[in-house]
PDB file of N, CA and C in Angstrom:
ATOM      1  N   MET A   1      43.623  54.567  20.705  1.00  0.00           N
ATOM      2  CA  MET A   1      43.361  55.180  19.636  1.00  0.00           C
ATOM      3  C   MET A   1      42.525  54.781  18.785  1.00  0.00           C
ATOM      4  N   THR A   2      41.333  55.613  18.268  1.00  0.00           N
ATOM      5  CA  THR A   2      40.552  55.229  17.171  1.00  0.00           C
ATOM      6  C   THR A   2      40.684  56.398  15.717  1.00  0.00           C
ATOM      7  N   LEU A   3      40.822  55.569  14.814  1.00  0.00           N
ATOM      8  CA  LEU A   3      40.677  56.092  13.603  1.00  0.00           C
ATOM      9  C   LEU A   3      39.509  57.447  13.377  1.00  0.00           C
ATOM     10  N   ALA A   4      39.148  58.713  13.662  1.00  0.00           N
ATOM     11  CA  ALA A   4      38.385  59.362  13.534  1.00  0.00           C
ATOM     12  C   ALA A   4      38.158  59.865  12.231  1.00  0.00           C
ATOM     13  N   ALA A   5      38.927  59.753  11.194  1.00  0.00           N
ATOM     14  CA  ALA A   5      38.617  60.606  10.168  1.00  0.00           C
ATOM     15  C   ALA A   5      39.791  60.094   8.794  1.00  0.00           C
ATOM     16  N   ILE A   6      39.615  59.849   8.109  1.00  0.00           N
ATOM     17  CA  ILE A   6      40.532  59.647   6.860  1.00  0.00           C
ATOM     18  C   ILE A   6      40.486  59.694   5.084  1.00  0.00           C
ATOM     19  N   ASP A   7      41.046  60.476   4.591  1.00  0.00           N
ATOM     20  CA  ASP A   7      40.652  60.994   3.089  1.00  0.00           C
ATOM     21  C   ASP A   7      41.795  60.865   2.153  1.00  0.00           C
ATOM     22  N   PRO A   8      42.141  59.794   1.956  1.00  0.00           N
ATOM     23  CA  PRO A   8      43.628  59.199   1.568  1.00  0.00           C
ATOM     24  C   PRO A   8      43.548  60.185   0.098  1.00  0.00           C
ATOM     25  N   PRO A   9      44.551  60.965  -0.456  1.00  0.00           N
ATOM     26  CA  PRO A   9      45.813  61.018   0.715  1.00  0.00           C
ATOM     27  C   PRO A   9      46.201  62.347   1.350  1.00  0.00           C
ATOM     28  N   ARG A  10      45.082  63.067   1.572  1.00  0.00           N
ATOM     29  CA  ARG A  10      45.308  63.873   1.879  1.00  0.00           C
ATOM     30  C   ARG A  10      45.220  64.262   3.687  1.00  0.00           C
ATOM     31  N   ARG A  11      44.066  63.231   4.153  1.00  0.00           N
ATOM     32  CA  ARG A  11      44.016  63.660   5.786  1.00  0.00           C
ATOM     33  C   ARG A  11      43.537  62.384   6.795  1.00  0.00           C
ATOM     34  N   ILE A  12      44.144  62.221   7.486  1.00  0.00           N
ATOM     35  CA  ILE A  12      44.351  61.294   8.680  1.00  0.00           C
ATOM     36  C   ILE A  12      43.863  62.268  10.172  1.00  0.00           C
ATOM     37  N   ALA A  13      43.012  61.206  10.925  1.00  0.00           N
ATOM     38  CA  ALA A  13      43.176  62.520  12.185  1.00  0.00           C
ATOM     39  C   ALA A  13      42.700  60.720  13.289  1.00  0.00           C
ATOM     40  N   TYR A  14      42.606  60.909  14.163  1.00  0.00           N
ATOM     41  CA  TYR A  14      42.944  59.917  15.465  1.00  0.00           C
ATOM     42  C   TYR A  14      42.459  61.048  16.875  1.00  0.00           C
ATOM     43  N   HIS A  15      41.782  60.260  17.441  1.00  0.00           N
ATOM     44  CA  HIS A  15      41.249  60.674  18.908  1.00  0.00           C
ATOM     45  C   HIS A  15      41.608  59.544  19.701  1.00  0.00           C
ATOM     46  N   MET A  16      41.759  59.804  20.434  1.00  0.00           N
ATOM     47  CA  MET A  16      41.909  58.945  22.051  1.00  0.00           C
ATOM     48  C   MET A  16      41.742  59.535  22.987  1.00  0.00           C
ATOM     49  N   ASP A  17      40.704  58.791  24.139  1.00  0.00           N
ATOM     50  CA  ASP A  17      40.456  59.097  25.484  1.00  0.00           C
ATOM     51  C   ASP A  17      41.161  57.914  26.129  1.00  0.00           C
ATOM     52  N   GLU A  18      41.826  58.523  27.345  1.00  0.00           N
ATOM     53  CA  GLU A  18      42.566  58.168  28.822  1.00  0.00           C
ATOM     54  C   GLU A  18      42.273  58.750  30.021  1.00  0.00           C
ATOM     55  N   PRO A  19      42.125  58.483  30.727  1.00  0.00           N
ATOM     56  CA  PRO A  19      41.763  58.540  31.803  1.00  0.00           C
ATOM     57  C   PRO A  19      42.405  60.187  32.375  1.00  0.00           C
ATOM     58  N   ALA A  20      43.200  60.514  32.206  1.00  0.00           N
ATOM     59  CA  ALA A  20      43.979  61.805  32.218  1.00  0.00           C
ATOM     60  C   ALA A  20      43.702  62.817  31.306  1.00  0.00           C
ATOM     61  N   ALA A  21      43.584  62.401  30.040  1.00  0.00           N
ATOM     62  CA  ALA A  21      43.522  63.467  28.841  1.00  0.00           C
ATOM     63  C   ALA A  21      42.654  62.480  27.597  1.00  0.00           C
ATOM     64  N   SER A  22      42.611  63.521  26.795  1.00  0.00           N
ATOM     65  CA  SER A  22      41.842  63.476  26.014  1.00  0.00           C
ATOM     66  C   SER A  22      42.304  63.990  24.220  1.00  0.00           C
ATOM     67  N   VAL A  23      42.864  63.002  23.158  1.00  0.00           N
ATOM     68  CA  VAL A  23      43.274  63.875  22.726  1.00  0.00           C
ATOM     69  C   VAL A  23      43.076  63.754  21.138  1.00  0.00           C
ATOM     70  N   ASP A  24      42.874  64.903  20.445  1.00  0.00           N
ATOM     71  CA  ASP A  24      42.758  64.934  19.019  1.00  0.00           C
ATOM     72  C   ASP A  24      44.014  65.266  18.371  1.00  0.00           C
ATOM     73  N   ILE A  25      44.445  64.273  16.741  1.00  0.00           N
ATOM     74  CA  ILE A  25      45.426  64.788  16.151  1.00  0.00           C
ATOM     75  C   ILE A  25      44.747  64.611  14.726  1.00  0.00           C
ATOM     76  N   GLU A  26      45.297  65.259  14.062  1.00  0.00           N
ATOM     77  CA  GLU A  26      44.988  65.457  12.491  1.00  0.00           C
ATOM     78  C   GLU A  26      46.273  65.956  11.957  1.00  0.00           C
ATOM     79  N   TYR A  27      46.171  65.183  10.434  1.00  0.00           N
ATOM     80  CA  TYR A  27      47.718  65.330   9.618  1.00  0.00           C
ATOM     81  C   TYR A  27      46.807  65.569   8.208  1.00  0.00           C
ATOM     82  N   ARG A  28      47.244  66.492   7.816  1.00  0.00           N
ATOM     83  CA  ARG A  28      46.712  67.624   6.390  1.00  0.00           C
ATOM     84  C   ARG A  28      47.844  67.425   5.770  1.00  0.00           C
ATOM     85  N   LEU A  29      47.609  66.934   4.599  1.00  0.00           N
ATOM     86  CA  LEU A  29      48.991  66.717   3.896  1.00  0.00           C
ATOM     87  C   LEU A  29      48.478  67.599   2.300  1.00  0.00           C
ATOM     88  N   THR A  30      49.398  68.639   1.969  1.00  0.00           N
ATOM     89  CA  THR A  30      49.265  69.305   0.674  1.00  0.00           C
ATOM     90  C   THR A  30      49.981  69.105  -0.242  1.00  0.00           C
ATOM     91  N   PRO A  31      50.144  68.911  -1.859  1.00  0.00           N
ATOM     92  CA  PRO A  31      51.132  69.212  -2.576  1.00  0.00           C
ATOM     93  C   PRO A  31      51.682  70.920  -2.746  1.00  0.00           C
ATOM     94  N   SER A  32      52.994  71.279  -2.626  1.00  0.00           N
ATOM     95  CA  SER A  32      53.651  72.362  -2.871  1.00  0.00           C
ATOM     96  C   SER A  32      54.420  72.522  -3.612  1.00  0.00           C
ATOM     97  N   ALA A  33      54.989  73.447  -3.845  1.00  0.00           N
ATOM     98  CA  ALA A  33      56.418  73.430  -5.083  1.00  0.00           C
ATOM     99  C   ALA A  33      57.692  72.628  -4.506  1.00  0.00           C
ATOM    100  N   THR A  34      58.016  72.294  -3.629  1.00  0.00           N
ATOM    101  CA  THR A  34      58.863  72.033  -3.114  1.00  0.00           C
ATOM    102  C   THR A  34      58.712  70.497  -3.088  1.00  0.00           C
ATOM    103  N   GLY A  35      57.133  69.607  -2.569  1.00  0.00           N
ATOM    104  CA  GLY A  35      57.111  68.390  -2.595  1.00  0.00           C
ATOM    105  C   GLY A  35      55.694  68.271  -1.758  1.00  0.00           C
ATOM    106  N   THR A  36      56.006  68.056  -0.463  1.00  0.00           N
ATOM    107  CA  THR A  36      54.325  68.052   0.320  1.00  0.00           C
ATOM    108  C   THR A  36      54.491  68.956   1.505  1.00  0.00           C
ATOM    109  N   SER A  37      53.183  69.352   1.803  1.00  0.00           N
ATOM    110  CA  SER A  37      53.510  70.202   3.077  1.00  0.00           C
ATOM    111  C   SER A  37      52.341  69.387   4.159  1.00  0.00           C
ATOM    112  N   VAL A  38      53.098  69.503   5.110  1.00  0.00           N
ATOM    113  CA  VAL A  38      52.390  68.098   6.429  1.00  0.00           C
ATOM    114  C   VAL A  38      51.943  69.291   7.340  1.00  0.00           C
ATOM    115  N   VAL A  39      50.662  69.687   7.375  1.00  0.00           N
ATOM    116  CA  VAL A  39      50.240  70.180   8.793  1.00  0.00           C
ATOM    117  C   VAL A  39      49.436  69.416   9.617  1.00  0.00           C
ATOM    118  N   VAL A  40      50.146  69.189  11.091  1.00  0.00           N
ATOM    119  CA  VAL A  40      49.560  68.724  12.230  1.00  0.00           C
ATOM    120  C   VAL A  40      48.812  69.496  13.285  1.00  0.00           C
ATOM    121  N   ALA A  41      47.767  69.318  13.683  1.00  0.00           N
ATOM    122  CA  ALA A  41      46.842  70.382  14.582  1.00  0.00           C
ATOM    123  C   ALA A  41      46.514  68.977  15.802  1.00  0.00           C
ATOM    124  N   ILE A  42      46.536  69.379  16.944  1.00  0.00           N
ATOM    125  CA  ILE A  42      46.730  68.756  17.616  1.00  0.00           C
ATOM    126  C   ILE A  42      45.833  69.270  19.042  1.00  0.00           C
ATOM    127  N   LYS A  43      44.680  68.526  19.272  1.00  0.00           N
ATOM    128  CA  LYS A  43      43.721  69.270  20.358  1.00  0.00           C
ATOM    129  C   LYS A  43      43.541  68.395  21.578  1.00  0.00           C
ATOM    130  N   PHE A  44      44.255  68.871  22.910  1.00  0.00           N
ATOM    131  CA  PHE A  44      44.416  67.937  23.724  1.00  0.00           C
ATOM    132  C   PHE A  44      43.496  68.543  25.286  1.00  0.00           C
ATOM    133  N   THR A  45      42.839  67.623  25.829  1.00  0.00           N
ATOM    134  CA  THR A  45      42.325  68.606  27.133  1.00  0.00           C
ATOM    135  C   THR A  45      42.813  67.816  28.618  1.00  0.00           C
ATOM    136  N   LEU A  46      44.104  68.320  29.243  1.00  0.00           N
ATOM    137  CA  LEU A  46      43.645  67.641  30.492  1.00  0.00           C
ATOM    138  C   LEU A  46      42.895  67.297  31.569  1.00  0.00           C
ATOM    139  N   GLU A  47      42.807  66.758  32.279  1.00  0.00           N
ATOM    140  CA  GLU A  47      42.085  65.895  33.269  1.00  0.00           C
ATOM    141  C   GLU A  47      42.090  66.424  34.535  1.00  0.00           C
ATOM    142  N   GLY A  48      41.605  66.802  35.571  1.00  0.00           N
ATOM    143  CA  GLY A  48      41.843  66.504  37.247  1.00  0.00           C
ATOM    144  C   GLY A  48      43.160  67.877  37.481  1.00  0.00           C
ATOM    145  N   LEU A  49      44.391  67.334  38.418  1.00  0.00           N
ATOM    146  CA  LEU A  49      45.151  68.462  38.720  1.00  0.00           C
ATOM    147  C   LEU A  49      46.126  68.699  37.443  1.00  0.00           C
ATOM    148  N   LEU A  50      45.897  67.510  36.263  1.00  0.00           N
ATOM    149  CA  LEU A  50      47.016  67.732  35.425  1.00  0.00           C
ATOM    150  C   LEU A  50      46.453  68.833  34.174  1.00  0.00           C
ATOM    151  N   ARG A  51      45.416  69.708  34.554  1.00  0.00           N
ATOM    152  CA  ARG A  51      45.062  70.741  34.241  1.00  0.00           C
ATOM    153  C   ARG A  51      45.982  72.145  34.121  1.00  0.00           C
ATOM    154  N   LEU A  52      46.505  72.290  35.306  1.00  0.00           N
ATOM    155  CA  LEU A  52      47.175  73.054  35.539  1.00  0.00           C
ATOM    156  C   LEU A  52      48.442  73.014  35.024  1.00  0.00           C
ATOM    157  N   MET A  53      48.946  72.065  34.502  1.00  0.00           N
ATOM    158  CA  MET A  53      50.160  71.718  33.385  1.00  0.00           C
ATOM    159  C   MET A  53      49.750  72.413  31.945  1.00  0.00           C
ATOM    160  N   THR A  54      48.754  72.418  31.223  1.00  0.00           N
ATOM    161  CA  THR A  54      47.979  72.861  30.370  1.00  0.00           C
ATOM    162  C   THR A  54      48.975  73.491  29.524  1.00  0.00           C
ATOM    163  N   LEU A  55      49.948  74.628  30.116  1.00  0.00           N
ATOM    164  CA  LEU A  55      50.728  75.947  29.517  1.00  0.00           C
ATOM    165  C   LEU A  55      52.360  75.159  28.893  1.00  0.00           C
ATOM    166  N   PHE A  56      52.692  74.093  30.016  1.00  0.00           N
ATOM    167  CA  PHE A  56      53.441  73.538  29.930  1.00  0.00           C
ATOM    168  C   PHE A  56      53.713  72.373  28.688  1.00  0.00           C
ATOM    169  N   ALA A  57      52.580  71.885  29.109  1.00  0.00           N
ATOM    170  CA  ALA A  57      52.145  70.592  28.302  1.00  0.00           C
ATOM    171  C   ALA A  57      52.345  71.080  26.709  1.00  0.00           C
ATOM    172  N   ARG A  58      51.779  72.296  26.130  1.00  0.00           N
ATOM    173  CA  ARG A  58      51.359  72.889  24.835  1.00  0.00           C
ATOM    174  C   ARG A  58      53.081  72.684  24.431  1.00  0.00           C
ATOM    175  N   THR A  59      53.716  73.985  25.242  1.00  0.00           N
ATOM    176  CA  THR A  59      54.937  74.123  24.810  1.00  0.00           C
ATOM    177  C   THR A  59      55.888  72.630  24.213  1.00  0.00           C
ATOM    178  N   PHE A  60      55.748  71.355  25.324  1.00  0.00           N
ATOM    179  CA  PHE A  60      56.341  70.417  25.058  1.00  0.00           C
ATOM    180  C   PHE A  60      55.980  69.536  23.999  1.00  0.00           C
ATOM    181  N   VAL A  61      54.552  69.471  23.986  1.00  0.00           N
ATOM    182  CA  VAL A  61      53.628  68.746  22.581  1.00  0.00           C
ATOM    183  C   VAL A  61      54.297  69.216  21.171  1.00  0.00           C
ATOM    184  N   ARG A  62      54.461  70.611  21.590  1.00  0.00           N
ATOM    185  CA  ARG A  62      54.706  71.566  19.860  1.00  0.00           C
ATOM    186  C   ARG A  62      56.212  71.301  19.718  1.00  0.00           C
ATOM    187  N   ALA A  63      57.184  71.558  20.848  1.00  0.00           N
ATOM    188  CA  ALA A  63      58.378  71.042  20.878  1.00  0.00           C
ATOM    189  C   ALA A  63      58.936  69.074  19.700  1.00  0.00           C
ATOM    190  N   LYS A  64      57.738  68.317  20.424  1.00  0.00           N
ATOM    191  CA  LYS A  64      57.899  67.254  20.484  1.00  0.00           C
ATOM    192  C   LYS A  64      57.490  66.632  19.037  1.00  0.00           C
ATOM    193  N   MET A  65      56.903  67.548  18.758  1.00  0.00           N
ATOM    194  CA  MET A  65      56.075  67.154  17.027  1.00  0.00           C
ATOM    195  C   MET A  65      56.742  68.204  16.126  1.00  0.00           C
ATOM    196  N   GLN A  66      57.614  69.092  16.530  1.00  0.00           N
ATOM    197  CA  GLN A  66      58.372  69.592  15.463  1.00  0.00           C
ATOM    198  C   GLN A  66      59.402  68.579  15.284  1.00  0.00           C
ATOM    199  N   SER A  67      60.184  68.011  16.036  1.00  0.00           N
ATOM    200  CA  SER A  67      60.804  67.278  16.185  1.00  0.00           C
ATOM    201  C   SER A  67      61.010  66.054  15.478  1.00  0.00           C
ATOM    202  N   ARG A  68      59.910  65.372  15.308  1.00  0.00           N
ATOM    203  CA  ARG A  68      59.288  64.213  15.137  1.00  0.00           C
ATOM    204  C   ARG A  68      59.020  64.423  13.647  1.00  0.00           C
ATOM    205  N   LEU A  69      58.395  65.009  13.152  1.00  0.00           N
ATOM    206  CA  LEU A  69      58.050  65.524  11.852  1.00  0.00           C
ATOM    207  C   LEU A  69      59.270  65.774  11.218  1.00  0.00           C
ATOM    208  N   ALA A  70      60.464  67.095  11.423  1.00  0.00           N
ATOM    209  CA  ALA A  70      61.938  66.487  11.542  1.00  0.00           C
ATOM    210  C   ALA A  70      62.604  65.709  11.157  1.00  0.00           C
ATOM    211  N   LEU A  71      62.099  64.470  11.574  1.00  0.00           N
ATOM    212  CA  LEU A  71      62.733  63.102  11.307  1.00  0.00           C
ATOM    213  C   LEU A  71      62.024  62.936  10.439  1.00  0.00           C
ATOM    214  N   ARG A  72      60.848  62.918  10.556  1.00  0.00           N
ATOM    215  CA  ARG A  72      60.007  62.137   9.471  1.00  0.00           C
ATOM    216  C   ARG A  72      60.584  62.888   7.798  1.00  0.00           C
ATOM    217  N   ARG A  73      60.573  63.944   7.877  1.00  0.00           N
ATOM    218  CA  ARG A  73      61.296  64.498   6.816  1.00  0.00           C
ATOM    219  C   ARG A  73      62.302  63.988   6.206  1.00  0.00           C
ATOM    220  N   GLY A  74      63.486  63.938   7.507  1.00  0.00           N
ATOM    221  CA  GLY A  74      64.613  63.597   6.483  1.00  0.00           C
ATOM    222  C   GLY A  74      64.372  62.223   6.275  1.00  0.00           C
ATOM    223  N   ALA A  75      63.343  61.054   6.972  1.00  0.00           N
ATOM    224  CA  ALA A  75      63.125  59.556   6.321  1.00  0.00           C
ATOM    225  C   ALA A  75      62.883  59.752   4.793  1.00  0.00           C
ATOM    226  N   ALA A  76      61.646  60.298   4.520  1.00  0.00           N
ATOM    227  CA  ALA A  76      61.181  60.586   3.791  1.00  0.00           C
ATOM    228  C   ALA A  76      61.904  61.177   2.163  1.00  0.00           C
ATOM    229  N   GLU A  77      62.522  62.101   3.047  1.00  0.00           N
ATOM    230  CA  GLU A  77      63.683  62.703   1.791  1.00  0.00           C
ATOM    231  C   GLU A  77      65.005  61.958   1.131  1.00  0.00           C
ATOM    232  N   ALA A  78      65.250  61.098   2.069  1.00  0.00           N
ATOM    233  CA  ALA A  78      66.158  59.826   1.864  1.00  0.00           C
ATOM    234  C   ALA A  78      65.740  58.527   1.128  1.00  0.00           C
ATOM    235  N   HIS A  79      64.560  58.428   1.347  1.00  0.00           N
ATOM    236  CA  HIS A  79      63.720  57.353   0.459  1.00  0.00           C
ATOM    237  C   HIS A  79      63.628  57.853  -0.751  1.00  0.00           C
ATOM    238  N   TYR A  80      63.647  58.953  -0.731  1.00  0.00           N
ATOM    239  CA  TYR A  80      63.114  59.172  -2.276  1.00  0.00           C
ATOM    240  C   TYR A  80      64.165  59.856  -3.409  1.00  0.00           C
ATOM    241  N   ARG A  81      65.011  59.593  -2.787  1.00  0.00           N
ATOM    242  CA  ARG A  81      66.752  60.301  -3.455  1.00  0.00           C
ATOM    243  C   ARG A  81      66.928  59.682  -4.340  1.00  0.00           C
TER     244      ARG A  81
END
């Protein structure tokens, strides 16, 4: 995994190349009325036969990211109480 872009404290992006897939992940943070809004954008390309799993993988990755963000939000809120 390599750091693709950084603009503290607003944006950080990573790129990863593996034999079976290529992945770009970007986190954008913006102030909001209740704290900080976090937007995650993920672009992945599966290679070979794994391309057949693209629709399943999108659903799985979306659910996984939502659960991880909820955990991070809980940890951050607990830290700043």
